């Protein structure tokens, strides 16, 4: 006898649809990801439910990474704009006054 496991494509997650991720803040995505991981670790879900939670968790992790990557780009841009040739050390108020006068 041959057993076949059929996994439905794009099973909707018990935690919510994947299309609402774009509007989630970092904190919302992170908090839901923590809940998904805890639910998976606790066990007790059906195979289909576990797969749906796993997919949701992967999508949430990607959303969190998008936020972190964006924050890194903003920090890099701010540093580049503020450095303009210095050695990366913060400029003190007295050094700024010396250069102005």
C-alpha atoms as a PDB file:
ATOM      1  CA  UNK A   1       0.000   0.000   0.000  1.00  0.00           C
ATOM      2  CA  UNK A   2       1.302   3.455  -0.909  1.00  0.00           C
ATOM      3  CA  UNK A   3       0.472   6.500   1.217  1.00  0.00           C
ATOM      4  CA  UNK A   4       0.382   9.926  -0.275  1.00  0.00           C
ATOM      5  CA  UNK A   5       0.498  13.113   1.710  1.00  0.00           C
ATOM      6  CA  UNK A   6      -1.194  16.037   0.029  1.00  0.00           C
ATOM      7  CA  UNK A   7      -0.337  19.473   1.353  1.00  0.00           C
ATOM      8  CA  UNK A   8      -2.650  22.180   0.106  1.00  0.00           C
ATOM      9  CA  UNK A   9      -0.898  25.084  -1.562  1.00  0.00           C
ATOM     10  CA  UNK A  10      -1.120  28.414   0.259  1.00  0.00           C
ATOM     11  CA  UNK A  11      -3.117  27.082   3.184  1.00  0.00           C
ATOM     12  CA  UNK A  12      -4.554  30.031   5.077  1.00  0.00           C
ATOM     13  CA  UNK A  13      -2.927  30.352   8.459  1.00  0.00           C
ATOM     14  CA  UNK A  14      -4.905  30.167  11.676  1.00  0.00           C
ATOM     15  CA  UNK A  15      -2.989  33.290  12.747  1.00  0.00           C
ATOM     16  CA  UNK A  16      -4.161  35.346   9.779  1.00  0.00           C
ATOM     17  CA  UNK A  17      -3.830  35.822   6.040  1.00  0.00           C
ATOM     18  CA  UNK A  18      -0.417  36.459   4.551  1.00  0.00           C
ATOM     19  CA  UNK A  19      -1.578  39.527   2.635  1.00  0.00           C
ATOM     20  CA  UNK A  20      -1.808  41.717   5.764  1.00  0.00           C
ATOM     21  CA  UNK A  21       1.929  41.519   6.436  1.00  0.00           C
ATOM     22  CA  UNK A  22       2.820  44.606   4.406  1.00  0.00           C
ATOM     23  CA  UNK A  23       0.882  46.823   6.800  1.00  0.00           C
ATOM     24  CA  UNK A  24       2.417  45.321   9.962  1.00  0.00           C
ATOM     25  CA  UNK A  25       4.865  47.260  12.080  1.00  0.00           C
ATOM     26  CA  UNK A  26       8.041  45.570  13.217  1.00  0.00           C
ATOM     27  CA  UNK A  27       6.660  45.184  16.719  1.00  0.00           C
ATOM     28  CA  UNK A  28       3.385  43.644  15.502  1.00  0.00           C
ATOM     29  CA  UNK A  29       5.208  41.140  13.304  1.00  0.00           C
ATOM     30  CA  UNK A  30       7.712  40.283  16.045  1.00  0.00           C
ATOM     31  CA  UNK A  31       5.020  39.785  18.688  1.00  0.00           C
ATOM     32  CA  UNK A  32       2.973  37.539  16.420  1.00  0.00           C
ATOM     33  CA  UNK A  33       6.107  35.592  15.477  1.00  0.00           C
ATOM     34  CA  UNK A  34       6.804  34.970  19.173  1.00  0.00           C
ATOM     35  CA  UNK A  35       3.239  33.650  19.557  1.00  0.00           C
ATOM     36  CA  UNK A  36       3.574  31.406  16.497  1.00  0.00           C
ATOM     37  CA  UNK A  37       6.857  29.934  17.745  1.00  0.00           C
ATOM     38  CA  UNK A  38       5.404  29.310  21.211  1.00  0.00           C
ATOM     39  CA  UNK A  39       2.374  27.590  19.678  1.00  0.00           C
ATOM     40  CA  UNK A  40       4.562  25.370  17.512  1.00  0.00           C
ATOM     41  CA  UNK A  41       6.837  24.518  20.438  1.00  0.00           C
ATOM     42  CA  UNK A  42       3.853  23.609  22.618  1.00  0.00           C
ATOM     43  CA  UNK A  43       2.695  21.064  20.034  1.00  0.00           C
ATOM     44  CA  UNK A  44      -0.805  19.724  19.829  1.00  0.00           C
ATOM     45  CA  UNK A  45      -1.541  21.170  16.397  1.00  0.00           C
ATOM     46  CA  UNK A  46      -2.553  19.026  13.463  1.00  0.00           C
ATOM     47  CA  UNK A  47      -0.018  18.547  10.712  1.00  0.00           C
ATOM     48  CA  UNK A  48      -1.939  20.957   8.504  1.00  0.00           C
ATOM     49  CA  UNK A  49      -2.224  23.484  11.329  1.00  0.00           C
ATOM     50  CA  UNK A  50       1.486  23.185  12.093  1.00  0.00           C
ATOM     51  CA  UNK A  51       2.393  23.725   8.437  1.00  0.00           C
ATOM     52  CA  UNK A  52       0.146  26.790   8.277  1.00  0.00           C
ATOM     53  CA  UNK A  53       1.741  28.186  11.440  1.00  0.00           C
ATOM     54  CA  UNK A  54       5.214  27.465  10.053  1.00  0.00           C
ATOM     55  CA  UNK A  55       4.375  29.333   6.830  1.00  0.00           C
ATOM     56  CA  UNK A  56       3.001  32.248   8.836  1.00  0.00           C
ATOM     57  CA  UNK A  57       6.124  32.272  10.995  1.00  0.00           C
ATOM     58  CA  UNK A  58       8.384  32.311   7.928  1.00  0.00           C
ATOM     59  CA  UNK A  59       6.421  35.217   6.465  1.00  0.00           C
ATOM     60  CA  UNK A  60       6.543  37.114   9.760  1.00  0.00           C
ATOM     61  CA  UNK A  61      10.295  36.540  10.045  1.00  0.00           C
ATOM     62  CA  UNK A  62      10.754  37.922   6.508  1.00  0.00           C
ATOM     63  CA  UNK A  63       8.673  40.987   7.437  1.00  0.00           C
ATOM     64  CA  UNK A  64      10.789  41.578  10.540  1.00  0.00           C
ATOM     65  CA  UNK A  65      13.948  41.252   8.448  1.00  0.00           C
ATOM     66  CA  UNK A  66      12.586  43.793   5.946  1.00  0.00           C
ATOM     67  CA  UNK A  67      12.100  46.275   8.790  1.00  0.00           C
ATOM     68  CA  UNK A  68      15.587  45.598  10.160  1.00  0.00           C
ATOM     69  CA  UNK A  69      17.170  45.924   6.699  1.00  0.00           C
ATOM     70  CA  UNK A  70      15.358  49.234   6.189  1.00  0.00           C
ATOM     71  CA  UNK A  71      16.527  50.499   9.561  1.00  0.00           C
ATOM     72  CA  UNK A  72      20.101  49.507   8.717  1.00  0.00           C
ATOM     73  CA  UNK A  73      19.926  51.389   5.399  1.00  0.00           C
ATOM     74  CA  UNK A  74      18.597  54.484   7.178  1.00  0.00           C
ATOM     75  CA  UNK A  75      21.370  54.319   9.786  1.00  0.00           C
ATOM     76  CA  UNK A  76      24.024  53.842   7.110  1.00  0.00           C
ATOM     77  CA  UNK A  77      22.654  56.796   5.143  1.00  0.00           C
ATOM     78  CA  UNK A  78      22.576  58.984   8.260  1.00  0.00           C
ATOM     79  CA  UNK A  79      26.125  58.034   9.138  1.00  0.00           C
ATOM     80  CA  UNK A  80      27.322  58.709   5.601  1.00  0.00           C
ATOM     81  CA  UNK A  81      25.581  62.089   5.524  1.00  0.00           C
ATOM     82  CA  UNK A  82      26.954  63.049   8.924  1.00  0.00           C
ATOM     83  CA  UNK A  83      30.487  61.772   8.511  1.00  0.00           C
ATOM     84  CA  UNK A  84      31.636  63.704   5.422  1.00  0.00           C
ATOM     85  CA  UNK A  85      35.247  62.665   5.827  1.00  0.00           C
ATOM     86  CA  UNK A  86      35.584  62.354   9.590  1.00  0.00           C
ATOM     87  CA  UNK A  87      36.908  59.291  11.391  1.00  0.00           C
ATOM     88  CA  UNK A  88      33.542  58.144  12.723  1.00  0.00           C
ATOM     89  CA  UNK A  89      33.969  59.796  16.099  1.00  0.00           C
ATOM     90  CA  UNK A  90      31.118  62.015  17.277  1.00  0.00           C
ATOM     91  CA  UNK A  91      31.765  65.727  16.995  1.00  0.00           C
ATOM     92  CA  UNK A  92      31.694  67.481  20.381  1.00  0.00           C
ATOM     93  CA  UNK A  93      30.033  70.855  20.881  1.00  0.00           C
ATOM     94  CA  UNK A  94      33.389  72.520  21.657  1.00  0.00           C
ATOM     95  CA  UNK A  95      34.949  71.177  18.443  1.00  0.00           C
ATOM     96  CA  UNK A  96      31.990  72.530  16.478  1.00  0.00           C
ATOM     97  CA  UNK A  97      32.362  75.961  18.105  1.00  0.00           C
ATOM     98  CA  UNK A  98      36.124  76.007  17.350  1.00  0.00           C
ATOM     99  CA  UNK A  99      35.467  75.283  13.669  1.00  0.00           C
ATOM    100  CA  UNK A 100      32.763  77.953  13.481  1.00  0.00           C
ATOM    101  CA  UNK A 101      34.919  80.722  14.976  1.00  0.00           C
END
